[in-house]
Amino acid sequence: MTLNSYTTTTIEIYFYWPSIGKFTHFPSNITINNSIVSRAKVSNFNVIQKSKLVKSDTFLDLLALNDKDLILSFINWADLINGENGFKFFDMMYLMKDKEFFKRITVILRNRWLFNKEIWEFGFYHKIDIIVSELI
């Protein structure tokens, strides 16, 4: 990769860890004419079997827990309009590909008299006529 002067870029990468344990990730380097001129710090990772994340201060924390029942419970009682706990409909759009979860979300939102066009558009994706008809 080549960067121009005074620019930055972010690259998101995913790792597969072959086993539980402690691993070292060697950082990226910056080179000029094949000489290292800058290097980030070495990162150490402790790979565990399952995340022990218990923090749920924000809606993003709740999504990270990947507990759909907790998410549904939050959607059922939270002040979604005013963004309680940092809630944004956009943040959970990836979950709408799960047909059963999508149906449960739309039931809750419908019962709360809440509508989100982007969520209802997944009615086309899942071919659910009643939801499509509500959208159009």
N, C-alpha and C. Protein backbone atom coordinates (compact mmCIF):
# COMPACT_ATOMS: atom_id res chain seq x y z
N MET A 1 0.84 -1.16 0.00
CA MET A 1 0.00 0.00 0.00
C MET A 1 0.89 1.23 0.00
N THR A 2 0.47 2.23 -0.70
CA THR A 2 1.20 3.49 -0.76
C THR A 2 0.27 4.60 -0.29
N LEU A 3 0.77 5.45 0.60
CA LEU A 3 0.02 6.61 1.07
C LEU A 3 0.72 7.88 0.62
N ASN A 4 -0.07 8.85 0.24
CA ASN A 4 0.50 10.15 -0.10
C ASN A 4 0.82 10.90 1.18
N SER A 5 1.61 11.94 1.07
CA SER A 5 1.96 12.77 2.23
C SER A 5 0.71 13.33 2.88
N TYR A 6 0.75 13.41 4.21
CA TYR A 6 -0.32 14.01 5.00
C TYR A 6 -1.66 13.30 4.85
N THR A 7 -1.65 12.00 4.63
CA THR A 7 -2.88 11.24 4.53
C THR A 7 -2.85 10.09 5.53
N THR A 8 -4.00 9.61 5.86
CA THR A 8 -4.12 8.44 6.72
C THR A 8 -5.14 7.50 6.10
N THR A 9 -5.08 6.28 6.52
CA THR A 9 -6.09 5.32 6.10
C THR A 9 -6.27 4.30 7.22
N THR A 10 -7.42 3.72 7.27
CA THR A 10 -7.71 2.67 8.24
C THR A 10 -8.05 1.41 7.48
N ILE A 11 -7.46 0.32 7.90
CA ILE A 11 -7.75 -0.97 7.29
C ILE A 11 -8.25 -1.89 8.39
N GLU A 12 -9.40 -2.48 8.18
CA GLU A 12 -9.94 -3.43 9.15
C GLU A 12 -9.60 -4.83 8.68
N ILE A 13 -8.98 -5.58 9.55
CA ILE A 13 -8.61 -6.95 9.21
C ILE A 13 -9.12 -7.90 10.29
N TYR A 14 -9.31 -9.13 9.92
CA TYR A 14 -9.78 -10.15 10.85
C TYR A 14 -8.75 -11.24 10.96
N PHE A 15 -8.65 -11.79 12.14
CA PHE A 15 -7.67 -12.84 12.40
C PHE A 15 -8.37 -14.13 12.77
N TYR A 16 -7.80 -15.20 12.39
CA TYR A 16 -8.22 -16.51 12.87
C TYR A 16 -7.14 -16.98 13.82
N TRP A 17 -7.51 -17.29 15.02
CA TRP A 17 -6.55 -17.80 16.00
C TRP A 17 -6.72 -19.31 16.06
N PRO A 18 -5.68 -20.06 15.84
CA PRO A 18 -5.78 -21.52 15.77
C PRO A 18 -6.07 -22.18 17.11
N SER A 19 -5.82 -21.45 18.19
CA SER A 19 -6.06 -22.04 19.50
C SER A 19 -6.15 -20.94 20.55
N ILE A 20 -6.60 -21.32 21.73
CA ILE A 20 -6.65 -20.40 22.85
C ILE A 20 -5.22 -20.18 23.34
N GLY A 21 -4.91 -18.97 23.76
CA GLY A 21 -3.57 -18.70 24.28
C GLY A 21 -3.16 -17.25 24.09
N LYS A 22 -1.91 -16.98 24.33
CA LYS A 22 -1.37 -15.62 24.19
C LYS A 22 -0.60 -15.54 22.88
N PHE A 23 -0.86 -14.48 22.12
CA PHE A 23 -0.23 -14.31 20.82
C PHE A 23 0.31 -12.89 20.71
N THR A 24 1.31 -12.73 19.90
CA THR A 24 1.90 -11.42 19.63
C THR A 24 1.62 -11.06 18.17
N HIS A 25 1.16 -9.85 17.98
CA HIS A 25 0.90 -9.34 16.64
C HIS A 25 1.96 -8.29 16.35
N PHE A 26 2.74 -8.52 15.33
CA PHE A 26 3.77 -7.56 14.98
C PHE A 26 3.16 -6.46 14.13
N PRO A 27 3.50 -5.23 14.43
CA PRO A 27 2.82 -4.08 13.81
C PRO A 27 3.29 -3.77 12.39
N SER A 28 2.54 -2.87 11.82
CA SER A 28 2.91 -2.35 10.51
C SER A 28 4.12 -1.44 10.64
N ASN A 29 4.84 -1.32 9.56
CA ASN A 29 6.02 -0.46 9.51
C ASN A 29 5.85 0.56 8.39
N ILE A 30 6.54 1.66 8.53
CA ILE A 30 6.61 2.63 7.44
C ILE A 30 8.04 2.61 6.94
N THR A 31 8.16 2.46 5.64
CA THR A 31 9.51 2.42 5.05
C THR A 31 9.65 3.49 3.99
N ILE A 32 10.84 3.97 3.88
CA ILE A 32 11.21 4.89 2.79
C ILE A 32 12.50 4.33 2.21
N ASN A 33 12.48 4.06 0.93
CA ASN A 33 13.65 3.49 0.25
C ASN A 33 14.17 2.23 0.97
N ASN A 34 13.25 1.35 1.31
CA ASN A 34 13.56 0.07 1.95
C ASN A 34 14.16 0.18 3.35
N SER A 35 14.05 1.34 3.98
CA SER A 35 14.51 1.50 5.36
C SER A 35 13.31 1.81 6.25
N ILE A 36 13.21 1.12 7.38
CA ILE A 36 12.10 1.36 8.31
C ILE A 36 12.33 2.71 8.99
N VAL A 37 11.32 3.59 8.88
CA VAL A 37 11.42 4.90 9.49
C VAL A 37 10.45 5.08 10.66
N SER A 38 9.46 4.19 10.74
CA SER A 38 8.51 4.25 11.84
C SER A 38 7.86 2.89 12.02
N ARG A 39 7.51 2.60 13.27
CA ARG A 39 6.90 1.31 13.57
C ARG A 39 5.94 1.49 14.74
N ALA A 40 4.77 0.88 14.65
CA ALA A 40 3.82 0.90 15.77
C ALA A 40 4.29 -0.06 16.85
N LYS A 41 3.68 0.02 18.01
CA LYS A 41 4.04 -0.87 19.11
C LYS A 41 3.51 -2.28 18.85
N VAL A 42 4.22 -3.25 19.39
CA VAL A 42 3.80 -4.65 19.31
C VAL A 42 2.55 -4.82 20.16
N SER A 43 1.56 -5.57 19.65
CA SER A 43 0.33 -5.83 20.39
C SER A 43 0.31 -7.28 20.86
N ASN A 44 -0.10 -7.47 22.09
CA ASN A 44 -0.25 -8.82 22.64
C ASN A 44 -1.74 -9.10 22.83
N PHE A 45 -2.16 -10.30 22.43
CA PHE A 45 -3.55 -10.70 22.53
C PHE A 45 -3.68 -11.93 23.41
N ASN A 46 -4.70 -11.93 24.22
CA ASN A 46 -5.04 -13.10 25.00
C ASN A 46 -6.31 -13.68 24.38
N VAL A 47 -6.19 -14.77 23.63
CA VAL A 47 -7.32 -15.37 22.92
C VAL A 47 -8.02 -16.33 23.87
N ILE A 48 -9.34 -16.11 24.03
CA ILE A 48 -10.14 -16.95 24.92
C ILE A 48 -11.21 -17.68 24.12
N GLN A 49 -11.83 -18.66 24.71
CA GLN A 49 -12.85 -19.46 24.03
C GLN A 49 -14.08 -18.62 23.69
N LYS A 50 -14.57 -17.85 24.65
CA LYS A 50 -15.78 -17.07 24.45
C LYS A 50 -15.61 -15.73 25.14
N SER A 51 -16.11 -14.69 24.51
CA SER A 51 -15.99 -13.35 25.07
C SER A 51 -16.66 -13.27 26.43
N LYS A 52 -16.02 -12.57 27.34
CA LYS A 52 -16.57 -12.36 28.67
C LYS A 52 -17.15 -10.95 28.80
N LEU A 53 -17.45 -10.34 27.66
CA LEU A 53 -17.98 -8.98 27.67
C LEU A 53 -19.31 -8.96 28.43
N VAL A 54 -19.36 -8.18 29.45
CA VAL A 54 -20.60 -8.07 30.23
C VAL A 54 -21.09 -6.64 30.27
N LYS A 55 -20.32 -5.73 29.75
CA LYS A 55 -20.68 -4.33 29.72
C LYS A 55 -21.81 -4.13 28.71
N SER A 56 -22.83 -3.40 29.12
CA SER A 56 -23.89 -3.09 28.17
C SER A 56 -24.40 -1.67 28.42
N ASP A 57 -23.45 -0.74 28.49
CA ASP A 57 -23.79 0.65 28.74
C ASP A 57 -24.43 1.31 27.52
N THR A 58 -24.07 0.85 26.34
CA THR A 58 -24.60 1.45 25.12
C THR A 58 -25.26 0.36 24.27
N PHE A 59 -26.01 0.80 23.29
CA PHE A 59 -26.65 -0.16 22.39
C PHE A 59 -25.61 -0.95 21.62
N LEU A 60 -24.49 -0.33 21.27
CA LEU A 60 -23.42 -1.06 20.57
C LEU A 60 -22.83 -2.16 21.46
N ASP A 61 -22.72 -1.89 22.78
CA ASP A 61 -22.28 -2.93 23.71
C ASP A 61 -23.25 -4.09 23.70
N LEU A 62 -24.53 -3.77 23.70
CA LEU A 62 -25.57 -4.80 23.68
C LEU A 62 -25.49 -5.64 22.41
N LEU A 63 -25.28 -5.00 21.28
CA LEU A 63 -25.11 -5.73 20.03
C LEU A 63 -23.89 -6.65 20.08
N ALA A 64 -22.82 -6.18 20.71
CA ALA A 64 -21.59 -6.97 20.79
C ALA A 64 -21.80 -8.24 21.61
N LEU A 65 -22.75 -8.22 22.53
CA LEU A 65 -23.05 -9.42 23.31
C LEU A 65 -23.69 -10.51 22.46
N ASN A 66 -24.26 -10.10 21.33
CA ASN A 66 -24.88 -11.02 20.37
C ASN A 66 -25.96 -11.89 21.00
N ASP A 67 -26.70 -11.30 21.93
CA ASP A 67 -27.82 -11.99 22.57
C ASP A 67 -29.11 -11.36 22.02
N LYS A 68 -29.73 -12.05 21.10
CA LYS A 68 -30.89 -11.47 20.41
C LYS A 68 -32.05 -11.22 21.35
N ASP A 69 -32.21 -12.03 22.37
CA ASP A 69 -33.30 -11.79 23.33
C ASP A 69 -33.07 -10.49 24.10
N LEU A 70 -31.82 -10.21 24.46
CA LEU A 70 -31.53 -8.93 25.12
C LEU A 70 -31.78 -7.75 24.20
N ILE A 71 -31.41 -7.92 22.94
CA ILE A 71 -31.64 -6.86 21.95
C ILE A 71 -33.13 -6.61 21.79
N LEU A 72 -33.91 -7.67 21.67
CA LEU A 72 -35.36 -7.53 21.53
C LEU A 72 -35.96 -6.87 22.76
N SER A 73 -35.49 -7.24 23.93
CA SER A 73 -35.98 -6.63 25.16
C SER A 73 -35.69 -5.12 25.16
N PHE A 74 -34.48 -4.75 24.77
CA PHE A 74 -34.13 -3.34 24.69
C PHE A 74 -35.05 -2.61 23.72
N ILE A 75 -35.25 -3.18 22.55
CA ILE A 75 -36.12 -2.56 21.52
C ILE A 75 -37.54 -2.40 22.06
N ASN A 76 -37.94 -3.30 22.91
CA ASN A 76 -39.31 -3.29 23.45
C ASN A 76 -39.54 -2.16 24.45
N TRP A 77 -38.52 -1.76 25.22
CA TRP A 77 -38.77 -0.76 26.26
C TRP A 77 -38.01 0.55 26.09
N ALA A 78 -36.95 0.57 25.32
CA ALA A 78 -36.09 1.76 25.26
C ALA A 78 -36.73 2.91 24.48
N ASP A 79 -36.27 4.11 24.77
CA ASP A 79 -36.70 5.30 24.04
C ASP A 79 -35.89 5.36 22.74
N LEU A 80 -36.39 4.69 21.72
CA LEU A 80 -35.66 4.59 20.45
C LEU A 80 -35.64 5.91 19.69
N ILE A 81 -36.70 6.65 19.80
CA ILE A 81 -36.81 7.93 19.07
C ILE A 81 -35.70 8.89 19.50
N ASN A 82 -35.44 8.95 20.81
CA ASN A 82 -34.42 9.87 21.32
C ASN A 82 -33.06 9.23 21.48
N GLY A 83 -32.90 8.02 20.94
CA GLY A 83 -31.58 7.38 20.91
C GLY A 83 -31.05 6.96 22.27
N GLU A 84 -31.93 6.42 23.10
CA GLU A 84 -31.49 5.98 24.43
C GLU A 84 -30.30 5.03 24.33
N ASN A 85 -29.32 5.22 25.17
CA ASN A 85 -28.09 4.42 25.21
C ASN A 85 -27.38 4.39 23.85
N GLY A 86 -27.51 5.47 23.09
CA GLY A 86 -26.83 5.57 21.80
C GLY A 86 -27.51 4.76 20.70
N PHE A 87 -28.77 4.40 20.89
CA PHE A 87 -29.47 3.59 19.89
C PHE A 87 -29.58 4.30 18.55
N LYS A 88 -29.27 3.56 17.48
CA LYS A 88 -29.53 3.98 16.10
C LYS A 88 -30.03 2.74 15.37
N PHE A 89 -31.10 2.87 14.62
CA PHE A 89 -31.62 1.74 13.86
C PHE A 89 -30.53 1.16 12.95
N PHE A 90 -29.73 2.04 12.36
CA PHE A 90 -28.70 1.62 11.42
C PHE A 90 -27.77 0.56 12.01
N ASP A 91 -27.46 0.70 13.30
CA ASP A 91 -26.49 -0.20 13.93
C ASP A 91 -26.93 -1.66 13.95
N MET A 92 -28.22 -1.91 13.85
CA MET A 92 -28.69 -3.30 13.90
C MET A 92 -29.19 -3.81 12.55
N MET A 93 -28.96 -3.07 11.49
CA MET A 93 -29.45 -3.50 10.17
C MET A 93 -28.92 -4.86 9.75
N TYR A 94 -27.69 -5.17 10.09
CA TYR A 94 -27.12 -6.46 9.69
C TYR A 94 -27.91 -7.63 10.28
N LEU A 95 -28.58 -7.40 11.40
CA LEU A 95 -29.39 -8.46 12.02
C LEU A 95 -30.69 -8.73 11.26
N MET A 96 -31.09 -7.80 10.41
CA MET A 96 -32.37 -7.94 9.71
C MET A 96 -32.33 -9.05 8.65
N LYS A 97 -31.15 -9.55 8.32
CA LYS A 97 -31.07 -10.67 7.37
C LYS A 97 -31.55 -11.97 7.98
N ASP A 98 -31.64 -12.02 9.30
CA ASP A 98 -32.19 -13.18 10.00
C ASP A 98 -33.71 -13.02 10.00
N LYS A 99 -34.39 -13.84 9.22
CA LYS A 99 -35.82 -13.68 8.99
C LYS A 99 -36.63 -13.72 10.28
N GLU A 100 -36.36 -14.66 11.16
CA GLU A 100 -37.13 -14.77 12.40
C GLU A 100 -36.90 -13.55 13.30
N PHE A 101 -35.66 -13.10 13.39
CA PHE A 101 -35.35 -11.92 14.19
C PHE A 101 -36.04 -10.70 13.58
N PHE A 102 -35.97 -10.57 12.27
CA PHE A 102 -36.63 -9.47 11.56
C PHE A 102 -38.13 -9.45 11.87
N LYS A 103 -38.76 -10.61 11.82
CA LYS A 103 -40.20 -10.67 12.10
C LYS A 103 -40.50 -10.25 13.54
N ARG A 104 -39.66 -10.66 14.48
CA ARG A 104 -39.87 -10.30 15.88
C ARG A 104 -39.67 -8.80 16.09
N ILE A 105 -38.67 -8.23 15.42
CA ILE A 105 -38.43 -6.78 15.53
C ILE A 105 -39.62 -6.00 14.99
N THR A 106 -40.13 -6.40 13.83
CA THR A 106 -41.25 -5.66 13.24
C THR A 106 -42.50 -5.77 14.10
N VAL A 107 -42.72 -6.89 14.74
CA VAL A 107 -43.87 -7.04 15.65
C VAL A 107 -43.73 -6.04 16.81
N ILE A 108 -42.55 -6.00 17.41
CA ILE A 108 -42.33 -5.07 18.53
C ILE A 108 -42.51 -3.63 18.08
N LEU A 109 -41.89 -3.27 16.96
CA LEU A 109 -42.00 -1.89 16.48
C LEU A 109 -43.44 -1.54 16.13
N ARG A 110 -44.13 -2.45 15.50
CA ARG A 110 -45.53 -2.22 15.14
C ARG A 110 -46.37 -2.02 16.40
N ASN A 111 -46.15 -2.85 17.42
CA ASN A 111 -46.89 -2.72 18.68
C ASN A 111 -46.59 -1.41 19.40
N ARG A 112 -45.41 -0.86 19.15
CA ARG A 112 -45.02 0.42 19.77
C ARG A 112 -45.36 1.61 18.86
N TRP A 113 -45.99 1.34 17.74
CA TRP A 113 -46.34 2.35 16.76
C TRP A 113 -45.10 3.08 16.24
N LEU A 114 -44.03 2.31 16.04
CA LEU A 114 -42.80 2.85 15.50
C LEU A 114 -42.55 2.26 14.13
N PHE A 115 -42.04 3.07 13.24
CA PHE A 115 -41.78 2.63 11.88
C PHE A 115 -40.40 3.12 11.47
N ASN A 116 -39.65 2.23 10.81
CA ASN A 116 -38.37 2.60 10.23
C ASN A 116 -38.33 2.04 8.81
N LYS A 117 -38.26 2.93 7.85
CA LYS A 117 -38.32 2.54 6.45
C LYS A 117 -37.26 1.50 6.09
N GLU A 118 -36.04 1.71 6.55
CA GLU A 118 -34.95 0.78 6.20
C GLU A 118 -35.20 -0.62 6.76
N ILE A 119 -35.78 -0.70 7.94
CA ILE A 119 -36.11 -2.02 8.48
C ILE A 119 -37.22 -2.65 7.66
N TRP A 120 -38.26 -1.90 7.39
CA TRP A 120 -39.39 -2.47 6.63
C TRP A 120 -38.96 -2.89 5.22
N GLU A 121 -37.95 -2.26 4.67
CA GLU A 121 -37.47 -2.66 3.34
C GLU A 121 -36.96 -4.10 3.31
N PHE A 122 -36.57 -4.63 4.46
CA PHE A 122 -36.17 -6.03 4.52
C PHE A 122 -37.36 -6.96 4.28
N GLY A 123 -38.56 -6.43 4.26
CA GLY A 123 -39.73 -7.22 3.86
C GLY A 123 -39.58 -7.73 2.44
N PHE A 124 -38.95 -6.94 1.58
CA PHE A 124 -38.66 -7.38 0.21
C PHE A 124 -37.64 -8.52 0.23
N TYR A 125 -36.61 -8.37 1.03
CA TYR A 125 -35.55 -9.37 1.14
C TYR A 125 -36.13 -10.72 1.58
N HIS A 126 -37.06 -10.66 2.55
CA HIS A 126 -37.64 -11.90 3.09
C HIS A 126 -38.93 -12.32 2.39
N LYS A 127 -39.40 -11.47 1.46
CA LYS A 127 -40.63 -11.76 0.70
C LYS A 127 -41.83 -11.95 1.63
N ILE A 128 -42.01 -10.97 2.52
CA ILE A 128 -43.14 -10.99 3.45
C ILE A 128 -44.13 -9.93 2.99
N ASP A 129 -45.19 -10.39 2.35
CA ASP A 129 -46.14 -9.49 1.69
C ASP A 129 -46.74 -8.43 2.61
N ILE A 130 -47.12 -8.82 3.82
CA ILE A 130 -47.78 -7.87 4.71
C ILE A 130 -46.84 -6.70 5.04
N ILE A 131 -45.57 -6.99 5.24
CA ILE A 131 -44.61 -5.92 5.57
C ILE A 131 -44.34 -5.04 4.35
N VAL A 132 -44.24 -5.68 3.18
CA VAL A 132 -44.05 -4.92 1.94
C VAL A 132 -45.26 -4.00 1.72
N SER A 133 -46.47 -4.52 1.96
CA SER A 133 -47.66 -3.70 1.76
C SER A 133 -47.71 -2.53 2.74
N GLU A 134 -47.20 -2.72 3.95
CA GLU A 134 -47.14 -1.61 4.92
C GLU A 134 -46.14 -0.55 4.46
N LEU A 135 -45.10 -0.99 3.78
CA LEU A 135 -44.07 -0.07 3.31
C LEU A 135 -44.57 0.77 2.14
N ILE A 136 -45.26 0.13 1.20
CA ILE A 136 -45.69 0.86 0.02
C ILE A 136 -47.07 1.42 0.22
